[in-house]
Amino acid sequence: MNRKSFLRSLPILGITSGATLIGCSTGAGVGSNSETELTGDNLVLNQAAEREAIAIQTYNAAADSGIITDQTLLNRAGDYKNHHIEHLELFNDLLIQADGDSVSVNDFGPDQRINDVSSEEEAILLAMQLEMEAANSYFTSSIRDLQGPNAKLVMGSIFPIEVAHFVSLKEALGRNPAVNSAVFTSLNNE
């Protein structure tokens, strides 16, 4: 498989590997038997669900603004928004399993930085920033913050999808290389 084909398949690979990991039974619920661990996991999962709700609303606002005129980019934004809807559902499922409250996308608006967007390029740059912020958060949470094995698996399976979104958006801007070591520098510092 050549490099471009592989990069185009990253979102699909992330989704299918995530589904495979989620289907594995590695433990009960979100955390272990410790009430403290469940509370900590619920806090992290709630923040992740809120991040996904804000991303959904930001993609909606960018698409509805009329700033993005390229149909391919609009289609890509729609696809990524749908991924974020799926991620929100996964986080909400984990919250409900641990007797937490689910997060509703309707309780959130777009990221405030959308107010500073006045061009298609700025919209893509904001989307890239949101995707990398999510990737950083999920990477850190899946290896450091979460205690429950199922929560770690779900968040760990979503992390590569966020990175793939970032890479794809960077490529859409024509910035090469789409993947470089600098992209991942902040991930290694966590």
C-alpha atoms as a PDB file:
ATOM      1  CA  MET A   1       0.000   0.000   0.000  1.00  0.00           C
ATOM      2  CA  ASN A   2       1.434   3.387  -0.876  1.00  0.00           C
ATOM      3  CA  ARG A   3       1.629   6.268   1.593  1.00  0.00           C
ATOM      4  CA  LYS A   4      -1.315   8.247   0.198  1.00  0.00           C
ATOM      5  CA  SER A   5      -3.603   5.223   0.199  1.00  0.00           C
ATOM      6  CA  PHE A   6      -2.607   4.466   3.766  1.00  0.00           C
ATOM      7  CA  LEU A   7      -3.276   8.044   4.906  1.00  0.00           C
ATOM      8  CA  ARG A   8      -6.686   8.057   3.246  1.00  0.00           C
ATOM      9  CA  SER A   9      -7.537   4.854   5.070  1.00  0.00           C
ATOM     10  CA  LEU A  10      -6.568   6.143   8.527  1.00  0.00           C
ATOM     11  CA  PRO A  11     -10.070   7.271   9.529  1.00  0.00           C
ATOM     12  CA  ILE A  12     -11.497   3.918   8.437  1.00  0.00           C
ATOM     13  CA  LEU A  13      -8.702   1.996  10.169  1.00  0.00           C
ATOM     14  CA  GLY A  14      -9.268   3.972  13.354  1.00  0.00           C
ATOM     15  CA  ILE A  15     -12.985   3.277  13.343  1.00  0.00           C
ATOM     16  CA  THR A  16     -12.657  -0.434  12.625  1.00  0.00           C
ATOM     17  CA  SER A  17      -9.862  -0.984  15.124  1.00  0.00           C
ATOM     18  CA  GLY A  18     -11.825   0.984  17.689  1.00  0.00           C
ATOM     19  CA  ALA A  19     -14.890  -1.145  17.094  1.00  0.00           C
ATOM     20  CA  THR A  20     -12.774  -4.267  17.480  1.00  0.00           C
ATOM     21  CA  LEU A  21     -11.271  -3.033  20.740  1.00  0.00           C
ATOM     22  CA  ILE A  22     -14.635  -1.954  22.103  1.00  0.00           C
ATOM     23  CA  GLY A  23     -16.066  -5.373  21.338  1.00  0.00           C
ATOM     24  CA  CYS A  24     -13.439  -7.041  23.522  1.00  0.00           C
ATOM     25  CA  SER A  25     -14.465  -7.655  27.102  1.00  0.00           C
ATOM     26  CA  THR A  26     -11.553  -6.457  29.192  1.00  0.00           C
ATOM     27  CA  GLY A  27     -13.235  -5.530  32.405  1.00  0.00           C
ATOM     28  CA  ALA A  28     -16.470  -4.475  33.954  1.00  0.00           C
ATOM     29  CA  GLY A  29     -17.839  -1.052  33.265  1.00  0.00           C
ATOM     30  CA  VAL A  30     -15.805   2.102  33.052  1.00  0.00           C
ATOM     31  CA  GLY A  31     -13.499   1.593  35.987  1.00  0.00           C
ATOM     32  CA  SER A  32     -12.557  -0.939  38.554  1.00  0.00           C
ATOM     33  CA  ASN A  33     -14.481  -1.478  41.773  1.00  0.00           C
ATOM     34  CA  SER A  34     -13.124   1.673  43.354  1.00  0.00           C
ATOM     35  CA  GLU A  35     -15.665   4.502  43.700  1.00  0.00           C
ATOM     36  CA  THR A  36     -12.823   7.045  43.426  1.00  0.00           C
ATOM     37  CA  GLU A  37     -11.643   5.587  40.132  1.00  0.00           C
ATOM     38  CA  LEU A  38     -15.173   5.647  38.717  1.00  0.00           C
ATOM     39  CA  THR A  39     -15.623   9.269  39.752  1.00  0.00           C
ATOM     40  CA  GLY A  40     -12.294  10.232  38.184  1.00  0.00           C
ATOM     41  CA  ASP A  41     -13.095   8.353  34.982  1.00  0.00           C
ATOM     42  CA  ASN A  42     -16.512   9.968  34.780  1.00  0.00           C
ATOM     43  CA  LEU A  43     -14.941  13.416  35.035  1.00  0.00           C
ATOM     44  CA  VAL A  44     -12.491  12.647  32.202  1.00  0.00           C
ATOM     45  CA  LEU A  45     -15.206  11.029  30.072  1.00  0.00           C
ATOM     46  CA  ASN A  46     -17.578  13.942  30.690  1.00  0.00           C
ATOM     47  CA  GLN A  47     -14.901  16.397  29.532  1.00  0.00           C
ATOM     48  CA  ALA A  48     -14.277  14.277  26.436  1.00  0.00           C
ATOM     49  CA  ALA A  49     -18.006  14.120  25.664  1.00  0.00           C
ATOM     50  CA  GLU A  50     -18.248  17.898  26.043  1.00  0.00           C
ATOM     51  CA  ARG A  51     -15.251  18.307  23.702  1.00  0.00           C
ATOM     52  CA  GLU A  52     -17.043  16.169  21.114  1.00  0.00           C
ATOM     53  CA  ALA A  53     -20.290  18.166  21.480  1.00  0.00           C
ATOM     54  CA  ILE A  54     -18.388  21.423  20.944  1.00  0.00           C
ATOM     55  CA  ALA A  55     -16.598  19.942  17.909  1.00  0.00           C
ATOM     56  CA  ILE A  56     -19.944  18.915  16.413  1.00  0.00           C
ATOM     57  CA  GLN A  57     -21.355  22.401  16.911  1.00  0.00           C
ATOM     58  CA  THR A  58     -18.183  24.001  15.524  1.00  0.00           C
ATOM     59  CA  TYR A  59     -18.307  21.882  12.370  1.00  0.00           C
ATOM     60  CA  ASN A  60     -22.004  22.791  12.035  1.00  0.00           C
ATOM     61  CA  ALA A  61     -21.265  26.508  12.431  1.00  0.00           C
ATOM     62  CA  ALA A  62     -18.391  26.416   9.935  1.00  0.00           C
ATOM     63  CA  ALA A  63     -20.482  24.552   7.358  1.00  0.00           C
ATOM     64  CA  ASP A  64     -23.492  26.835   7.857  1.00  0.00           C
ATOM     65  CA  SER A  65     -21.432  30.042   7.733  1.00  0.00           C
ATOM     66  CA  GLY A  66     -20.949  29.983   3.975  1.00  0.00           C
ATOM     67  CA  ILE A  67     -17.211  30.540   4.461  1.00  0.00           C
ATOM     68  CA  ILE A  68     -16.391  27.056   3.219  1.00  0.00           C
ATOM     69  CA  THR A  69     -17.273  26.954  -0.455  1.00  0.00           C
ATOM     70  CA  ASP A  70     -15.300  23.920  -1.608  1.00  0.00           C
ATOM     71  CA  GLN A  71     -17.737  20.992  -1.794  1.00  0.00           C
ATOM     72  CA  THR A  72     -15.012  18.443  -1.024  1.00  0.00           C
ATOM     73  CA  LEU A  73     -14.171  20.293   2.179  1.00  0.00           C
ATOM     74  CA  LEU A  74     -17.852  20.560   3.091  1.00  0.00           C
ATOM     75  CA  ASN A  75     -18.221  16.804   2.573  1.00  0.00           C
ATOM     76  CA  ARG A  76     -15.131  16.147   4.677  1.00  0.00           C
ATOM     77  CA  ALA A  77     -16.449  18.435   7.431  1.00  0.00           C
ATOM     78  CA  GLY A  78     -19.726  16.500   7.363  1.00  0.00           C
ATOM     79  CA  ASP A  79     -17.883  13.199   7.649  1.00  0.00           C
ATOM     80  CA  TYR A  80     -15.792  14.447  10.560  1.00  0.00           C
ATOM     81  CA  LYS A  81     -18.856  15.836  12.289  1.00  0.00           C
ATOM     82  CA  ASN A  82     -20.437  12.389  11.993  1.00  0.00           C
ATOM     83  CA  HIS A  83     -17.317  10.834  13.532  1.00  0.00           C
ATOM     84  CA  HIS A  84     -17.647  13.259  16.439  1.00  0.00           C
ATOM     85  CA  ILE A  85     -21.291  12.253  16.852  1.00  0.00           C
ATOM     86  CA  GLU A  86     -20.154   8.612  17.078  1.00  0.00           C
ATOM     87  CA  HIS A  87     -17.460   9.549  19.609  1.00  0.00           C
ATOM     88  CA  LEU A  88     -20.006  11.427  21.726  1.00  0.00           C
ATOM     89  CA  GLU A  89     -22.256   8.361  21.700  1.00  0.00           C
ATOM     90  CA  LEU A  90     -19.358   6.135  22.822  1.00  0.00           C
ATOM     91  CA  PHE A  91     -18.437   8.482  25.682  1.00  0.00           C
ATOM     92  CA  ASN A  92     -22.095   8.799  26.692  1.00  0.00           C
ATOM     93  CA  ASP A  93     -22.457   5.010  26.734  1.00  0.00           C
ATOM     94  CA  LEU A  94     -19.524   4.773  29.125  1.00  0.00           C
ATOM     95  CA  LEU A  95     -20.925   7.533  31.327  1.00  0.00           C
ATOM     96  CA  ILE A  96     -24.309   5.798  31.524  1.00  0.00           C
ATOM     97  CA  GLN A  97     -22.651   2.445  32.338  1.00  0.00           C
ATOM     98  CA  ALA A  98     -20.994   4.136  35.306  1.00  0.00           C
ATOM     99  CA  ASP A  99     -24.237   5.794  36.453  1.00  0.00           C
ATOM    100  CA  GLY A 100     -23.136   9.184  35.148  1.00  0.00           C
ATOM    101  CA  ASP A 101     -25.104  11.724  33.151  1.00  0.00           C
ATOM    102  CA  SER A 102     -24.878  11.765  29.384  1.00  0.00           C
ATOM    103  CA  VAL A 103     -23.864  14.906  27.503  1.00  0.00           C
ATOM    104  CA  SER A 104     -26.256  16.450  24.988  1.00  0.00           C
ATOM    105  CA  VAL A 105     -24.870  18.245  21.948  1.00  0.00           C
ATOM    106  CA  ASN A 106     -27.731  20.734  22.276  1.00  0.00           C
ATOM    107  CA  ASP A 107     -26.339  21.972  25.601  1.00  0.00           C
ATOM    108  CA  PHE A 108     -23.231  23.323  23.863  1.00  0.00           C
ATOM    109  CA  GLY A 109     -22.390  25.840  21.199  1.00  0.00           C
ATOM    110  CA  PRO A 110     -19.440  26.013  18.840  1.00  0.00           C
ATOM    111  CA  ASP A 111     -15.938  26.761  20.039  1.00  0.00           C
ATOM    112  CA  GLN A 112     -15.649  30.506  20.657  1.00  0.00           C
ATOM    113  CA  ARG A 113     -12.706  30.721  18.262  1.00  0.00           C
ATOM    114  CA  ILE A 114     -15.176  30.298  15.401  1.00  0.00           C
ATOM    115  CA  ASN A 115     -15.974  34.002  15.847  1.00  0.00           C
ATOM    116  CA  ASP A 116     -12.493  34.872  14.547  1.00  0.00           C
ATOM    117  CA  VAL A 117     -12.841  32.771  11.379  1.00  0.00           C
ATOM    118  CA  SER A 118     -13.316  34.778   8.201  1.00  0.00           C
ATOM    119  CA  SER A 119     -11.900  32.530   5.486  1.00  0.00           C
ATOM    120  CA  GLU A 120     -11.941  28.921   4.380  1.00  0.00           C
ATOM    121  CA  GLU A 121      -8.299  28.528   5.387  1.00  0.00           C
ATOM    122  CA  GLU A 122      -8.995  29.873   8.889  1.00  0.00           C
ATOM    123  CA  ALA A 123     -11.901  27.445   9.220  1.00  0.00           C
ATOM    124  CA  ILE A 124      -9.624  24.542   8.334  1.00  0.00           C
ATOM    125  CA  LEU A 125      -6.918  25.769  10.701  1.00  0.00           C
ATOM    126  CA  LEU A 126      -9.459  25.959  13.531  1.00  0.00           C
ATOM    127  CA  ALA A 127     -10.665  22.438  12.735  1.00  0.00           C
ATOM    128  CA  MET A 128      -7.043  21.246  12.765  1.00  0.00           C
ATOM    129  CA  GLN A 129      -6.524  22.884  16.135  1.00  0.00           C
ATOM    130  CA  LEU A 130      -9.649  21.264  17.593  1.00  0.00           C
ATOM    131  CA  GLU A 131      -8.633  17.858  16.246  1.00  0.00           C
ATOM    132  CA  MET A 132      -5.106  18.085  17.665  1.00  0.00           C
ATOM    133  CA  GLU A 133      -6.375  19.336  21.022  1.00  0.00           C
ATOM    134  CA  ALA A 134      -8.676  16.320  21.170  1.00  0.00           C
ATOM    135  CA  ALA A 135      -5.868  13.969  20.140  1.00  0.00           C
ATOM    136  CA  ASN A 136      -3.570  15.376  22.831  1.00  0.00           C
ATOM    137  CA  SER A 137      -6.275  15.067  25.455  1.00  0.00           C
ATOM    138  CA  TYR A 138      -7.272  11.539  24.494  1.00  0.00           C
ATOM    139  CA  PHE A 139      -3.679  10.339  24.268  1.00  0.00           C
ATOM    140  CA  THR A 140      -2.927  11.652  27.744  1.00  0.00           C
ATOM    141  CA  SER A 141      -6.181  10.413  29.239  1.00  0.00           C
ATOM    142  CA  SER A 142      -5.933   6.935  27.762  1.00  0.00           C
ATOM    143  CA  ILE A 143      -2.475   6.311  29.233  1.00  0.00           C
ATOM    144  CA  ARG A 144      -2.374   8.488  32.342  1.00  0.00           C
ATOM    145  CA  ASP A 145      -5.758   9.626  33.616  1.00  0.00           C
ATOM    146  CA  LEU A 146      -8.296   6.857  33.074  1.00  0.00           C
ATOM    147  CA  GLN A 147      -8.426   3.846  35.363  1.00  0.00           C
ATOM    148  CA  GLY A 148     -11.097   1.644  33.781  1.00  0.00           C
ATOM    149  CA  PRO A 149      -9.944  -0.639  30.979  1.00  0.00           C
ATOM    150  CA  ASN A 150     -13.054  -0.101  28.832  1.00  0.00           C
ATOM    151  CA  ALA A 151     -12.733   3.675  29.110  1.00  0.00           C
ATOM    152  CA  LYS A 152      -9.051   3.426  28.162  1.00  0.00           C
ATOM    153  CA  LEU A 153      -9.873   1.256  25.152  1.00  0.00           C
ATOM    154  CA  VAL A 154     -12.590   3.580  23.884  1.00  0.00           C
ATOM    155  CA  MET A 155     -10.528   6.728  24.312  1.00  0.00           C
ATOM    156  CA  GLY A 156      -7.441   5.035  22.891  1.00  0.00           C
ATOM    157  CA  SER A 157      -9.432   3.960  19.842  1.00  0.00           C
ATOM    158  CA  ILE A 158     -10.701   7.495  19.225  1.00  0.00           C
ATOM    159  CA  PHE A 159      -7.262   9.113  19.504  1.00  0.00           C
ATOM    160  CA  PRO A 160      -5.978   7.922  16.076  1.00  0.00           C
ATOM    161  CA  ILE A 161      -9.164   9.124  14.388  1.00  0.00           C
ATOM    162  CA  GLU A 162      -8.569  12.642  15.707  1.00  0.00           C
ATOM    163  CA  VAL A 163      -4.973  12.520  14.448  1.00  0.00           C
ATOM    164  CA  ALA A 164      -6.189  11.269  11.054  1.00  0.00           C
ATOM    165  CA  HIS A 165      -8.605  14.210  10.865  1.00  0.00           C
ATOM    166  CA  PHE A 166      -5.739  16.603  11.585  1.00  0.00           C
ATOM    167  CA  VAL A 167      -3.525  15.017   8.939  1.00  0.00           C
ATOM    168  CA  SER A 168      -6.294  15.032   6.355  1.00  0.00           C
ATOM    169  CA  LEU A 169      -7.130  18.681   7.020  1.00  0.00           C
ATOM    170  CA  LYS A 170      -3.473  19.659   6.792  1.00  0.00           C
ATOM    171  CA  GLU A 171      -3.259  17.848   3.472  1.00  0.00           C
ATOM    172  CA  ALA A 172      -6.379  19.698   2.275  1.00  0.00           C
ATOM    173  CA  LEU A 173      -4.525  22.958   2.845  1.00  0.00           C
ATOM    174  CA  GLY A 174      -1.700  21.639   0.684  1.00  0.00           C
ATOM    175  CA  ARG A 175       0.778  21.825   3.522  1.00  0.00           C
ATOM    176  CA  ASN A 176       3.445  19.221   3.113  1.00  0.00           C
ATOM    177  CA  PRO A 177       4.387  16.984   4.543  1.00  0.00           C
ATOM    178  CA  ALA A 178       0.938  16.275   5.934  1.00  0.00           C
ATOM    179  CA  VAL A 179       2.598  14.107   8.565  1.00  0.00           C
ATOM    180  CA  ASN A 180       5.820  15.214  10.179  1.00  0.00           C
ATOM    181  CA  SER A 181       7.480  14.727  13.494  1.00  0.00           C
ATOM    182  CA  ALA A 182       6.597  18.227  14.683  1.00  0.00           C
ATOM    183  CA  VAL A 183       2.908  17.282  14.610  1.00  0.00           C
ATOM    184  CA  PHE A 184       3.512  14.721  17.337  1.00  0.00           C
ATOM    185  CA  THR A 185       5.954  16.660  19.505  1.00  0.00           C
ATOM    186  CA  SER A 186       3.287  17.746  21.975  1.00  0.00           C
ATOM    187  CA  LEU A 187       1.997  14.181  22.299  1.00  0.00           C
ATOM    188  CA  ASN A 188       5.383  13.037  23.536  1.00  0.00           C
ATOM    189  CA  ASN A 189       5.549  15.757  26.165  1.00  0.00           C
ATOM    190  CA  GLU A 190       2.484  14.564  28.068  1.00  0.00           C
END
